[in-house]
Amino acid sequence: VKGRFTISRDNGKNTVYLQINSMKPEDTAVYYCAARANYGLGL
């Protein structure tokens, strides 16, 4: 997804976003948001 997807957050709104551009049929899926009880991201 690199180059097509962008993740961002607005902590003032308690919201995370995923911008998806140039969509492909292979992107068809259920998309899940997840939170980690840590300051650093996980993969």
Full PDB file with SEQRES, HELIX, SHEET, SSBOND, CRYST1, ORIGX, SCALE, CONECT and MASTER records, all heavy atoms in Angstrom:
SEQRES   1 A   43  VAL LYS GLY ARG PHE THR ILE SER ARG ASP ASN GLY LYS          
SEQRES   2 A   43  ASN THR VAL TYR LEU GLN ILE ASN SER MET LYS PRO GLU          
SEQRES   3 A   43  ASP THR ALA VAL TYR TYR CYS ALA ALA ARG ALA ASN TYR          
SEQRES   4 A   43  GLY LEU GLY LEU                                              
HELIX    1 AA1 PRO A   25  ASP A   27  5                                   3    
SHEET    1 AA1 2 PHE A   5  ASP A  10  0                                        
SHEET    2 AA1 2 THR A  15  ILE A  20 -1                                        
CRYST1    1.000    1.000    1.000  90.00  90.00  90.00 P 1           1          
ORIGX1      1.000000  0.000000  0.000000        0.00000                         
ORIGX2      0.000000  1.000000  0.000000        0.00000                         
ORIGX3      0.000000  0.000000  1.000000        0.00000                         
SCALE1      1.000000  0.000000  0.000000        0.00000                         
SCALE2      0.000000  1.000000  0.000000        0.00000                         
SCALE3      0.000000  0.000000  1.000000        0.00000                         
ATOM      1  N   VAL A   1       0.809  -1.217   0.000  1.00  0.00           N  
ATOM      2  CA  VAL A   1       0.000   0.000   0.000  1.00  0.00           C  
ATOM      3  C   VAL A   1       0.842   1.266   0.000  1.00  0.00           C  
ATOM      4  O   VAL A   1       0.285   2.371  -0.117  1.00  0.00           O  
ATOM      5  CB  VAL A   1      -0.967   0.029   1.202  1.00  0.00           C  
ATOM      6  CG1 VAL A   1      -1.799  -1.244   1.241  1.00  0.00           C  
ATOM      7  CG2 VAL A   1      -0.217   0.219   2.509  1.00  0.00           C  
ATOM      8  N   LYS A   2       2.132   1.140   0.114  1.00  0.00           N  
ATOM      9  CA  LYS A   2       3.012   2.300   0.203  1.00  0.00           C  
ATOM     10  C   LYS A   2       2.873   3.178  -1.045  1.00  0.00           C  
ATOM     11  O   LYS A   2       2.900   2.691  -2.171  1.00  0.00           O  
ATOM     12  CB  LYS A   2       4.456   1.834   0.382  1.00  0.00           C  
ATOM     13  CG  LYS A   2       5.415   2.895   0.868  1.00  0.00           C  
ATOM     14  CD  LYS A   2       6.772   2.271   1.215  1.00  0.00           C  
ATOM     15  CE  LYS A   2       6.651   1.233   2.306  1.00  0.00           C  
ATOM     16  NZ  LYS A   2       7.963   0.648   2.674  1.00  0.00           N  
ATOM     17  N   GLY A   3       2.715   4.467  -0.817  1.00  0.00           N  
ATOM     18  CA  GLY A   3       2.531   5.408  -1.905  1.00  0.00           C  
ATOM     19  C   GLY A   3       1.090   5.683  -2.252  1.00  0.00           C  
ATOM     20  O   GLY A   3       0.800   6.689  -2.919  1.00  0.00           O  
ATOM     21  N   ARG A   4       0.172   4.826  -1.835  1.00  0.00           N  
ATOM     22  CA  ARG A   4      -1.251   5.013  -2.106  1.00  0.00           C  
ATOM     23  C   ARG A   4      -2.058   5.302  -0.849  1.00  0.00           C  
ATOM     24  O   ARG A   4      -3.076   5.982  -0.923  1.00  0.00           O  
ATOM     25  CB  ARG A   4      -1.839   3.780  -2.792  1.00  0.00           C  
ATOM     26  CG  ARG A   4      -1.228   3.471  -4.143  1.00  0.00           C  
ATOM     27  CD  ARG A   4      -2.001   2.364  -4.857  1.00  0.00           C  
ATOM     28  NE  ARG A   4      -1.989   1.120  -4.102  1.00  0.00           N  
ATOM     29  CZ  ARG A   4      -3.077   0.530  -3.591  1.00  0.00           C  
ATOM     30  NH1 ARG A   4      -4.274   1.086  -3.757  1.00  0.00           N  
ATOM     31  NH2 ARG A   4      -2.972  -0.613  -2.932  1.00  0.00           N  
ATOM     32  N   PHE A   5      -1.608   4.770   0.286  1.00  0.00           N  
ATOM     33  CA  PHE A   5      -2.327   4.915   1.548  1.00  0.00           C  
ATOM     34  C   PHE A   5      -1.600   5.914   2.438  1.00  0.00           C  
ATOM     35  O   PHE A   5      -0.363   5.974   2.443  1.00  0.00           O  
ATOM     36  CB  PHE A   5      -2.404   3.579   2.293  1.00  0.00           C  
ATOM     37  CG  PHE A   5      -3.350   2.563   1.716  1.00  0.00           C  
ATOM     38  CD1 PHE A   5      -3.600   2.496   0.354  1.00  0.00           C  
ATOM     39  CD2 PHE A   5      -3.986   1.658   2.553  1.00  0.00           C  
ATOM     40  CE1 PHE A   5      -4.458   1.556  -0.175  1.00  0.00           C  
ATOM     41  CE2 PHE A   5      -4.845   0.710   2.040  1.00  0.00           C  
ATOM     42  CZ  PHE A   5      -5.085   0.649   0.678  1.00  0.00           C  
ATOM     43  N   THR A   6      -2.367   6.672   3.215  1.00  0.00           N  
ATOM     44  CA  THR A   6      -1.811   7.597   4.184  1.00  0.00           C  
ATOM     45  C   THR A   6      -2.580   7.488   5.490  1.00  0.00           C  
ATOM     46  O   THR A   6      -3.799   7.639   5.506  1.00  0.00           O  
ATOM     47  CB  THR A   6      -1.867   9.045   3.684  1.00  0.00           C  
ATOM     48  OG1 THR A   6      -1.171   9.162   2.442  1.00  0.00           O  
ATOM     49  CG2 THR A   6      -1.209   9.974   4.700  1.00  0.00           C  
ATOM     50  N   ILE A   7      -1.861   7.218   6.571  1.00  0.00           N  
ATOM     51  CA  ILE A   7      -2.469   7.189   7.892  1.00  0.00           C  
ATOM     52  C   ILE A   7      -2.183   8.518   8.584  1.00  0.00           C  
ATOM     53  O   ILE A   7      -1.091   9.076   8.460  1.00  0.00           O  
ATOM     54  CB  ILE A   7      -1.948   6.000   8.725  1.00  0.00           C  
ATOM     55  CG1 ILE A   7      -2.705   5.891  10.057  1.00  0.00           C  
ATOM     56  CG2 ILE A   7      -0.448   6.097   8.961  1.00  0.00           C  
ATOM     57  CD1 ILE A   7      -2.392   4.616  10.833  1.00  0.00           C  
ATOM     58  N   SER A   8      -3.163   9.025   9.310  1.00  0.00           N  
ATOM     59  CA  SER A   8      -3.003  10.264  10.050  1.00  0.00           C  
ATOM     60  C   SER A   8      -3.881  10.214  11.291  1.00  0.00           C  
ATOM     61  O   SER A   8      -4.739   9.338  11.425  1.00  0.00           O  
ATOM     62  CB  SER A   8      -3.353  11.476   9.177  1.00  0.00           C  
ATOM     63  OG  SER A   8      -4.698  11.420   8.749  1.00  0.00           O  
ATOM     64  N   ARG A   9      -3.662  11.156  12.190  1.00  0.00           N  
ATOM     65  CA  ARG A   9      -4.475  11.197  13.400  1.00  0.00           C  
ATOM     66  C   ARG A   9      -4.696  12.629  13.841  1.00  0.00           C  
ATOM     67  O   ARG A   9      -3.883  13.523  13.583  1.00  0.00           O  
ATOM     68  CB  ARG A   9      -3.830  10.376  14.525  1.00  0.00           C  
ATOM     69  CG  ARG A   9      -2.539  10.949  15.083  1.00  0.00           C  
ATOM     70  CD  ARG A   9      -1.855   9.951  16.008  1.00  0.00           C  
ATOM     71  NE  ARG A   9      -2.666   9.639  17.178  1.00  0.00           N  
ATOM     72  CZ  ARG A   9      -2.483   8.583  17.969  1.00  0.00           C  
ATOM     73  NH1 ARG A   9      -1.510   7.716  17.688  1.00  0.00           N  
ATOM     74  NH2 ARG A   9      -3.274   8.393  19.013  1.00  0.00           N  
ATOM     75  N   ASP A  10      -5.813  12.830  14.531  1.00  0.00           N  
ATOM     76  CA  ASP A  10      -6.151  14.106  15.126  1.00  0.00           C  
ATOM     77  C   ASP A  10      -6.484  13.816  16.577  1.00  0.00           C  
ATOM     78  O   ASP A  10      -7.594  13.381  16.891  1.00  0.00           O  
ATOM     79  CB  ASP A  10      -7.326  14.752  14.397  1.00  0.00           C  
ATOM     80  CG  ASP A  10      -7.629  16.148  14.902  1.00  0.00           C  
ATOM     81  OD1 ASP A  10      -7.258  16.472  16.045  1.00  0.00           O  
ATOM     82  OD2 ASP A  10      -8.242  16.927  14.147  1.00  0.00           O  
ATOM     83  N   ASN A  11      -5.522  14.032  17.451  1.00  0.00           N  
ATOM     84  CA  ASN A  11      -5.723  13.691  18.854  1.00  0.00           C  
ATOM     85  C   ASN A  11      -6.775  14.570  19.515  1.00  0.00           C  
ATOM     86  O   ASN A  11      -7.410  14.155  20.484  1.00  0.00           O  
ATOM     87  CB  ASN A  11      -4.399  13.790  19.613  1.00  0.00           C  
ATOM     88  CG  ASN A  11      -3.448  12.667  19.266  1.00  0.00           C  
ATOM     89  OD1 ASN A  11      -3.843  11.661  18.678  1.00  0.00           O  
ATOM     90  ND2 ASN A  11      -2.181  12.823  19.633  1.00  0.00           N  
ATOM     91  N   GLY A  12      -6.962  15.780  19.003  1.00  0.00           N  
ATOM     92  CA  GLY A  12      -8.009  16.634  19.524  1.00  0.00           C  
ATOM     93  C   GLY A  12      -9.401  16.101  19.260  1.00  0.00           C  
ATOM     94  O   GLY A  12     -10.339  16.403  20.001  1.00  0.00           O  
ATOM     95  N   LYS A  13      -9.562  15.300  18.198  1.00  0.00           N  
ATOM     96  CA  LYS A  13     -10.838  14.695  17.845  1.00  0.00           C  
ATOM     97  C   LYS A  13     -10.904  13.216  18.183  1.00  0.00           C  
ATOM     98  O   LYS A  13     -11.906  12.566  17.885  1.00  0.00           O  
ATOM     99  CB  LYS A  13     -11.118  14.875  16.354  1.00  0.00           C  
ATOM    100  CG  LYS A  13     -11.241  16.318  15.915  1.00  0.00           C  
ATOM    101  CD  LYS A  13     -11.540  16.406  14.424  1.00  0.00           C  
ATOM    102  CE  LYS A  13     -11.698  17.842  13.980  1.00  0.00           C  
ATOM    103  NZ  LYS A  13     -11.965  17.939  12.523  1.00  0.00           N  
ATOM    104  N   ASN A  14      -9.861  12.679  18.788  1.00  0.00           N  
ATOM    105  CA  ASN A  14      -9.801  11.248  19.106  1.00  0.00           C  
ATOM    106  C   ASN A  14     -10.095  10.393  17.876  1.00  0.00           C  
ATOM    107  O   ASN A  14     -10.854   9.423  17.934  1.00  0.00           O  
ATOM    108  CB  ASN A  14     -10.786  10.904  20.220  1.00  0.00           C  
ATOM    109  CG  ASN A  14     -10.241  11.204  21.604  1.00  0.00           C  
ATOM    110  OD1 ASN A  14      -9.247  11.914  21.756  1.00  0.00           O  
ATOM    111  ND2 ASN A  14     -10.893  10.672  22.620  1.00  0.00           N  
ATOM    112  N   THR A  15      -9.475  10.740  16.765  1.00  0.00           N  
ATOM    113  CA  THR A  15      -9.785  10.085  15.499  1.00  0.00           C  
ATOM    114  C   THR A  15      -8.515   9.768  14.724  1.00  0.00           C  
ATOM    115  O   THR A  15      -7.579  10.576  14.694  1.00  0.00           O  
ATOM    116  CB  THR A  15     -10.704  10.962  14.636  1.00  0.00           C  
ATOM    117  OG1 THR A  15     -11.909  11.242  15.365  1.00  0.00           O  
ATOM    118  CG2 THR A  15     -11.071  10.251  13.342  1.00  0.00           C  
ATOM    119  N   VAL A  16      -8.503   8.593  14.102  1.00  0.00           N  
ATOM    120  CA  VAL A  16      -7.446   8.171  13.192  1.00  0.00           C  
ATOM    121  C   VAL A  16      -8.058   7.987  11.813  1.00  0.00           C  
ATOM    122  O   VAL A  16      -9.191   7.504  11.695  1.00  0.00           O  
ATOM    123  CB  VAL A  16      -6.784   6.869  13.671  1.00  0.00           C  
ATOM    124  CG1 VAL A  16      -5.727   6.401  12.675  1.00  0.00           C  
ATOM    125  CG2 VAL A  16      -6.153   7.071  15.038  1.00  0.00           C  
ATOM    126  N   TYR A  17      -7.311   8.339  10.786  1.00  0.00           N  
ATOM    127  CA  TYR A  17      -7.802   8.265   9.414  1.00  0.00           C  
ATOM    128  C   TYR A  17      -6.905   7.378   8.567  1.00  0.00           C  
ATOM    129  O   TYR A  17      -5.709   7.235   8.827  1.00  0.00           O  
ATOM    130  CB  TYR A  17      -7.848   9.656   8.781  1.00  0.00           C  
ATOM    131  CG  TYR A  17      -8.652  10.661   9.554  1.00  0.00           C  
ATOM    132  CD1 TYR A  17      -8.028  11.547  10.431  1.00  0.00           C  
ATOM    133  CD2 TYR A  17     -10.026  10.732   9.412  1.00  0.00           C  
ATOM    134  CE1 TYR A  17      -8.756  12.473  11.144  1.00  0.00           C  
ATOM    135  CE2 TYR A  17     -10.767  11.656  10.124  1.00  0.00           C  
ATOM    136  CZ  TYR A  17     -10.130  12.523  10.987  1.00  0.00           C  
ATOM    137  OH  TYR A  17     -10.863  13.444  11.694  1.00  0.00           O  
ATOM    138  N   LEU A  18      -7.498   6.816   7.536  1.00  0.00           N  
ATOM    139  CA  LEU A  18      -6.738   6.112   6.516  1.00  0.00           C  
ATOM    140  C   LEU A  18      -7.221   6.598   5.157  1.00  0.00           C  
ATOM    141  O   LEU A  18      -8.336   6.277   4.738  1.00  0.00           O  
ATOM    142  CB  LEU A  18      -6.908   4.597   6.620  1.00  0.00           C  
ATOM    143  CG  LEU A  18      -6.046   3.778   5.655  1.00  0.00           C  
ATOM    144  CD1 LEU A  18      -4.569   3.901   6.012  1.00  0.00           C  
ATOM    145  CD2 LEU A  18      -6.465   2.316   5.643  1.00  0.00           C  
ATOM    146  N   GLN A  19      -6.395   7.382   4.499  1.00  0.00           N  
ATOM    147  CA  GLN A  19      -6.687   7.854   3.154  1.00  0.00           C  
ATOM    148  C   GLN A  19      -6.208   6.820   2.158  1.00  0.00           C  
ATOM    149  O   GLN A  19      -5.043   6.430   2.171  1.00  0.00           O  
ATOM    150  CB  GLN A  19      -5.993   9.190   2.893  1.00  0.00           C  
ATOM    151  CG  GLN A  19      -6.200   9.752   1.501  1.00  0.00           C  
ATOM    152  CD  GLN A  19      -7.609  10.239   1.272  1.00  0.00           C  
ATOM    153  OE1 GLN A  19      -8.206  10.841   2.147  1.00  0.00           O  
ATOM    154  NE2 GLN A  19      -8.150   9.965   0.091  1.00  0.00           N  
ATOM    155  N   ILE A  20      -7.102   6.373   1.294  1.00  0.00           N  
ATOM    156  CA  ILE A  20      -6.789   5.353   0.308  1.00  0.00           C  
ATOM    157  C   ILE A  20      -6.994   5.961  -1.076  1.00  0.00           C  
ATOM    158  O   ILE A  20      -8.109   6.348  -1.429  1.00  0.00           O  
ATOM    159  CB  ILE A  20      -7.663   4.102   0.458  1.00  0.00           C  
ATOM    160  CG1 ILE A  20      -7.667   3.617   1.911  1.00  0.00           C  
ATOM    161  CG2 ILE A  20      -7.184   3.003  -0.475  1.00  0.00           C  
ATOM    162  CD1 ILE A  20      -8.612   2.457   2.164  1.00  0.00           C  
ATOM    163  N   ASN A  21      -5.936   6.032  -1.859  1.00  0.00           N  
ATOM    164  CA  ASN A  21      -5.995   6.589  -3.208  1.00  0.00           C  
ATOM    165  C   ASN A  21      -5.663   5.517  -4.238  1.00  0.00           C  
ATOM    166  O   ASN A  21      -5.078   4.485  -3.923  1.00  0.00           O  
ATOM    167  CB  ASN A  21      -5.019   7.750  -3.352  1.00  0.00           C  
ATOM    168  CG  ASN A  21      -5.360   8.926  -2.473  1.00  0.00           C  
ATOM    169  OD1 ASN A  21      -6.530   9.195  -2.205  1.00  0.00           O  
ATOM    170  ND2 ASN A  21      -4.334   9.652  -2.028  1.00  0.00           N  
ATOM    171  N   SER A  22      -6.027   5.789  -5.481  1.00  0.00           N  
ATOM    172  CA  SER A  22      -5.738   4.877  -6.592  1.00  0.00           C  
ATOM    173  C   SER A  22      -6.131   3.450  -6.242  1.00  0.00           C  
ATOM    174  O   SER A  22      -5.342   2.518  -6.365  1.00  0.00           O  
ATOM    175  CB  SER A  22      -4.254   4.959  -6.960  1.00  0.00           C  
ATOM    176  OG  SER A  22      -3.890   6.271  -7.326  1.00  0.00           O  
ATOM    177  N   MET A  23      -7.356   3.280  -5.828  1.00  0.00           N  
ATOM    178  CA  MET A  23      -7.796   2.005  -5.290  1.00  0.00           C  
ATOM    179  C   MET A  23      -7.801   0.908  -6.351  1.00  0.00           C  
ATOM    180  O   MET A  23      -8.085   1.151  -7.524  1.00  0.00           O  
ATOM    181  CB  MET A  23      -9.183   2.147  -4.669  1.00  0.00           C  
ATOM    182  CG  MET A  23      -9.213   3.164  -3.539  1.00  0.00           C  
ATOM    183  SD  MET A  23     -10.747   3.132  -2.579  1.00  0.00           S  
ATOM    184  CE  MET A  23     -10.518   1.610  -1.655  1.00  0.00           C  
ATOM    185  N   LYS A  24      -7.474  -0.285  -5.888  1.00  0.00           N  
ATOM    186  CA  LYS A  24      -7.415  -1.469  -6.730  1.00  0.00           C  
ATOM    187  C   LYS A  24      -8.391  -2.517  -6.207  1.00  0.00           C  
ATOM    188  O   LYS A  24      -8.702  -2.530  -5.018  1.00  0.00           O  
ATOM    189  CB  LYS A  24      -6.000  -2.060  -6.726  1.00  0.00           C  
ATOM    190  CG  LYS A  24      -4.906  -1.095  -7.129  1.00  0.00           C  
ATOM    191  CD  LYS A  24      -3.539  -1.746  -6.984  1.00  0.00           C  
ATOM    192  CE  LYS A  24      -2.430  -0.802  -7.376  1.00  0.00           C  
ATOM    193  NZ  LYS A  24      -1.094  -1.442  -7.219  1.00  0.00           N  
ATOM    194  N   PRO A  25      -8.863  -3.413  -7.075  1.00  0.00           N  
ATOM    195  CA  PRO A  25      -9.726  -4.492  -6.595  1.00  0.00           C  
ATOM    196  C   PRO A  25      -9.092  -5.310  -5.475  1.00  0.00           C  
ATOM    197  O   PRO A  25      -9.814  -5.811  -4.605  1.00  0.00           O  
ATOM    198  CB  PRO A  25      -9.951  -5.343  -7.843  1.00  0.00           C  
ATOM    199  CG  PRO A  25      -9.834  -4.373  -8.974  1.00  0.00           C  
ATOM    200  CD  PRO A  25      -8.754  -3.410  -8.547  1.00  0.00           C  
ATOM    201  N   GLU A  26      -7.778  -5.427  -5.471  1.00  0.00           N  
ATOM    202  CA  GLU A  26      -7.080  -6.157  -4.424  1.00  0.00           C  
ATOM    203  C   GLU A  26      -7.194  -5.497  -3.051  1.00  0.00           C  
ATOM    204  O   GLU A  26      -6.870  -6.123  -2.041  1.00  0.00           O  
ATOM    205  CB  GLU A  26      -5.593  -6.302  -4.768  1.00  0.00           C  
ATOM    206  CG  GLU A  26      -5.338  -6.928  -6.128  1.00  0.00           C  
ATOM    207  CD  GLU A  26      -5.217  -5.884  -7.224  1.00  0.00           C  
ATOM    208  OE1 GLU A  26      -4.089  -5.398  -7.452  1.00  0.00           O  
ATOM    209  OE2 GLU A  26      -6.255  -5.559  -7.851  1.00  0.00           O  
ATOM    210  N   ASP A  27      -7.635  -4.249  -3.007  1.00  0.00           N  
ATOM    211  CA  ASP A  27      -7.838  -3.559  -1.734  1.00  0.00           C  
ATOM    212  C   ASP A  27      -9.150  -3.947  -1.065  1.00  0.00           C  
ATOM    213  O   ASP A  27      -9.399  -3.540   0.070  1.00  0.00           O  
ATOM    214  CB  ASP A  27      -7.814  -2.046  -1.930  1.00  0.00           C  
ATOM    215  CG  ASP A  27      -6.464  -1.531  -2.393  1.00  0.00           C  
ATOM    216  OD1 ASP A  27      -5.431  -2.073  -1.941  1.00  0.00           O  
ATOM    217  OD2 ASP A  27      -6.438  -0.582  -3.197  1.00  0.00           O  
ATOM    218  N   THR A  28      -9.985  -4.693  -1.748  1.00  0.00           N  
ATOM    219  CA  THR A  28     -11.252  -5.123  -1.173  1.00  0.00           C  
ATOM    220  C   THR A  28     -11.005  -5.961   0.070  1.00  0.00           C  
ATOM    221  O   THR A  28     -10.300  -6.971   0.027  1.00  0.00           O  
ATOM    222  CB  THR A  28     -12.064  -5.925  -2.196  1.00  0.00           C  
ATOM    223  OG1 THR A  28     -12.418  -5.081  -3.295  1.00  0.00           O  
ATOM    224  CG2 THR A  28     -13.329  -6.488  -1.567  1.00  0.00           C  
ATOM    225  N   ALA A  29     -11.577  -5.529   1.191  1.00  0.00           N  
ATOM    226  CA  ALA A  29     -11.356  -6.201   2.468  1.00  0.00           C  
ATOM    227  C   ALA A  29     -12.181  -5.510   3.539  1.00  0.00           C  
ATOM    228  O   ALA A  29     -12.727  -4.424   3.318  1.00  0.00           O  
ATOM    229  CB  ALA A  29      -9.874  -6.164   2.859  1.00  0.00           C  
ATOM    230  N   VAL A  30     -12.249  -6.141   4.691  1.00  0.00           N  
ATOM    231  CA  VAL A  30     -12.730  -5.466   5.885  1.00  0.00           C  
ATOM    232  C   VAL A  30     -11.525  -4.802   6.540  1.00  0.00           C  
ATOM    233  O   VAL A  30     -10.514  -5.461   6.794  1.00  0.00           O  
ATOM    234  CB  VAL A  30     -13.415  -6.438   6.860  1.00  0.00           C  
ATOM    235  CG1 VAL A  30     -13.823  -5.710   8.135  1.00  0.00           C  
ATOM    236  CG2 VAL A  30     -14.629  -7.079   6.205  1.00  0.00           C  
ATOM    237  N   TYR A  31     -11.639  -3.523   6.808  1.00  0.00           N  
ATOM    238  CA  TYR A  31     -10.546  -2.758   7.395  1.00  0.00           C  
ATOM    239  C   TYR A  31     -10.813  -2.540   8.874  1.00  0.00           C  
ATOM    240  O   TYR A  31     -11.898  -2.102   9.263  1.00  0.00           O  
ATOM    241  CB  TYR A  31     -10.386  -1.417   6.681  1.00  0.00           C  
ATOM    242  CG  TYR A  31      -9.712  -1.550   5.341  1.00  0.00           C  
ATOM    243  CD1 TYR A  31     -10.378  -2.129   4.268  1.00  0.00           C  
ATOM    244  CD2 TYR A  31      -8.398  -1.119   5.155  1.00  0.00           C  
ATOM    245  CE1 TYR A  31      -9.752  -2.282   3.040  1.00  0.00           C  
ATOM    246  CE2 TYR A  31      -7.769  -1.256   3.934  1.00  0.00           C  
ATOM    247  CZ  TYR A  31      -8.449  -1.843   2.872  1.00  0.00           C  
ATOM    248  OH  TYR A  31      -7.821  -1.978   1.658  1.00  0.00           O  
ATOM    249  N   TYR A  32      -9.806  -2.838   9.687  1.00  0.00           N  
ATOM    250  CA  TYR A  32      -9.917  -2.758  11.136  1.00  0.00           C  
ATOM    251  C   TYR A  32      -8.973  -1.702  11.690  1.00  0.00           C  
ATOM    252  O   TYR A  32      -7.806  -1.620  11.291  1.00  0.00           O  
ATOM    253  CB  TYR A  32      -9.568  -4.093  11.787  1.00  0.00           C  
ATOM    254  CG  TYR A  32     -10.493  -5.227  11.432  1.00  0.00           C  
ATOM    255  CD1 TYR A  32     -10.227  -6.050  10.349  1.00  0.00           C  
ATOM    256  CD2 TYR A  32     -11.629  -5.472  12.195  1.00  0.00           C  
ATOM    257  CE1 TYR A  32     -11.073  -7.096  10.024  1.00  0.00           C  
ATOM    258  CE2 TYR A  32     -12.476  -6.520  11.875  1.00  0.00           C  
ATOM    259  CZ  TYR A  32     -12.191  -7.328  10.793  1.00  0.00           C  
ATOM    260  OH  TYR A  32     -13.031  -8.367  10.476  1.00  0.00           O  
ATOM    261  N   CYS A  33      -9.475  -0.937  12.617  1.00  0.00           N  
ATOM    262  CA  CYS A  33      -8.680  -0.001  13.383  1.00  0.00           C  
ATOM    263  C   CYS A  33      -8.257  -0.670  14.683  1.00  0.00           C  
ATOM    264  O   CYS A  33      -9.027  -1.420  15.286  1.00  0.00           O  
ATOM    265  CB  CYS A  33      -9.505   1.255  13.661  1.00  0.00           C  
ATOM    266  SG  CYS A  33      -8.718   2.490  14.703  1.00  0.00           S  
ATOM    267  N   ALA A  34      -7.032  -0.409  15.125  1.00  0.00           N  
ATOM    268  CA  ALA A  34      -6.519  -1.011  16.348  1.00  0.00           C  
ATOM    269  C   ALA A  34      -5.717   0.005  17.144  1.00  0.00           C  
ATOM    270  O   ALA A  34      -5.100   0.906  16.574  1.00  0.00           O  
ATOM    271  CB  ALA A  34      -5.649  -2.228  16.022  1.00  0.00           C  
ATOM    272  N   ALA A  35      -5.731  -0.163  18.455  1.00  0.00           N  
ATOM    273  CA  ALA A  35      -5.000   0.708  19.360  1.00  0.00           C  
ATOM    274  C   ALA A  35      -4.014  -0.105  20.179  1.00  0.00           C  
ATOM    275  O   ALA A  35      -4.328  -1.212  20.625  1.00  0.00           O  
ATOM    276  CB  ALA A  35      -5.960   1.456  20.285  1.00  0.00           C  
ATOM    277  N   ARG A  36      -2.840   0.455  20.373  1.00  0.00           N  
ATOM    278  CA  ARG A  36      -1.793  -0.175  21.164  1.00  0.00           C  
ATOM    279  C   ARG A  36      -1.495   0.677  22.383  1.00  0.00           C  
ATOM    280  O   ARG A  36      -1.268   1.884  22.249  1.00  0.00           O  
ATOM    281  CB  ARG A  36      -0.528  -0.348  20.322  1.00  0.00           C  
ATOM    282  CG  ARG A  36       0.587  -1.102  21.028  1.00  0.00           C  
ATOM    283  CD  ARG A  36       1.853  -1.098  20.206  1.00  0.00           C  
ATOM    284  NE  ARG A  36       2.897  -1.913  20.819  1.00  0.00           N  
ATOM    285  CZ  ARG A  36       4.193  -1.736  20.650  1.00  0.00           C  
ATOM    286  NH1 ARG A  36       4.626  -0.746  19.867  1.00  0.00           N  
ATOM    287  NH2 ARG A  36       5.057  -2.533  21.255  1.00  0.00           N  
ATOM    288  N   ALA A  37      -1.487   0.057  23.550  1.00  0.00           N  
ATOM    289  CA  ALA A  37      -1.210   0.775  24.791  1.00  0.00           C  
ATOM    290  C   ALA A  37       0.295   1.020  24.932  1.00  0.00           C  
ATOM    291  O   ALA A  37       0.949   0.508  25.844  1.00  0.00           O  
ATOM    292  CB  ALA A  37      -1.748   0.009  25.987  1.00  0.00           C  
ATOM    293  N   ASN A  38       0.807   1.785  23.987  1.00  0.00           N  
ATOM    294  CA  ASN A  38       2.215   2.104  23.946  1.00  0.00           C  
ATOM    295  C   ASN A  38       2.385   3.336  23.074  1.00  0.00           C  
ATOM    296  O   ASN A  38       1.609   3.557  22.152  1.00  0.00           O  
ATOM    297  CB  ASN A  38       3.028   0.930  23.376  1.00  0.00           C  
ATOM    298  CG  ASN A  38       4.516   1.074  23.587  1.00  0.00           C  
ATOM    299  OD1 ASN A  38       5.175   1.848  22.894  1.00  0.00           O  
ATOM    300  ND2 ASN A  38       5.054   0.333  24.540  1.00  0.00           N  
ATOM    301  N   TYR A  39       3.399   4.122  23.346  1.00  0.00           N  
ATOM    302  CA  TYR A  39       3.643   5.323  22.555  1.00  0.00           C  
ATOM    303  C   TYR A  39       4.122   5.011  21.146  1.00  0.00           C  
ATOM    304  O   TYR A  39       3.831   5.773  20.212  1.00  0.00           O  
ATOM    305  CB  TYR A  39       4.673   6.215  23.241  1.00  0.00           C  
ATOM    306  CG  TYR A  39       4.278   6.680  24.610  1.00  0.00           C  
ATOM    307  CD1 TYR A  39       4.796   6.091  25.754  1.00  0.00           C  
ATOM    308  CD2 TYR A  39       3.376   7.739  24.761  1.00  0.00           C  
ATOM    309  CE1 TYR A  39       4.429   6.530  27.015  1.00  0.00           C  
ATOM    310  CE2 TYR A  39       3.010   8.181  26.015  1.00  0.00           C  
ATOM    311  CZ  TYR A  39       3.533   7.582  27.133  1.00  0.00           C  
ATOM    312  OH  TYR A  39       3.174   8.021  28.387  1.00  0.00           O  
ATOM    313  N   GLY A  40       4.851   3.926  20.989  1.00  0.00           N  
ATOM    314  CA  GLY A  40       5.427   3.566  19.704  1.00  0.00           C  
ATOM    315  C   GLY A  40       4.544   2.632  18.902  1.00  0.00           C  
ATOM    316  O   GLY A  40       3.832   1.795  19.451  1.00  0.00           O  
ATOM    317  N   LEU A  41       4.598   2.762  17.584  1.00  0.00           N  
ATOM    318  CA  LEU A  41       3.766   1.945  16.710  1.00  0.00           C  
ATOM    319  C   LEU A  41       4.222   0.489  16.695  1.00  0.00           C  
ATOM    320  O   LEU A  41       5.364   0.163  17.009  1.00  0.00           O  
ATOM    321  CB  LEU A  41       3.766   2.524  15.293  1.00  0.00           C  
ATOM    322  CG  LEU A  41       5.096   2.673  14.557  1.00  0.00           C  
ATOM    323  CD1 LEU A  41       5.530   1.354  13.910  1.00  0.00           C  
ATOM    324  CD2 LEU A  41       4.977   3.756  13.503  1.00  0.00           C  
ATOM    325  N   GLY A  42       3.297  -0.384  16.319  1.00  0.00           N  
ATOM    326  CA  GLY A  42       3.596  -1.794  16.154  1.00  0.00           C  
ATOM    327  C   GLY A  42       3.217  -2.242  14.760  1.00  0.00           C  
ATOM    328  O   GLY A  42       2.357  -1.641  14.103  1.00  0.00           O  
ATOM    329  N   LEU A  43       3.859  -3.297  14.280  1.00  0.00           N  
ATOM    330  CA  LEU A  43       3.638  -3.808  12.932  1.00  0.00           C  
ATOM    331  C   LEU A  43       2.881  -5.129  12.899  1.00  0.00           C  
ATOM    332  O   LEU A  43       2.535  -5.596  11.820  1.00  0.00           O  
ATOM    333  CB  LEU A  43       4.978  -3.991  12.215  1.00  0.00           C  
ATOM    334  CG  LEU A  43       5.889  -2.754  12.143  1.00  0.00           C  
ATOM    335  CD1 LEU A  43       7.166  -3.090  11.379  1.00  0.00           C  
ATOM    336  CD2 LEU A  43       5.179  -1.579  11.505  1.00  0.00           C  
TER     337      LEU A  43                                                      
MASTER        0    0    0    1    2    0    0    6  336    1    0    4          
END                                                                             
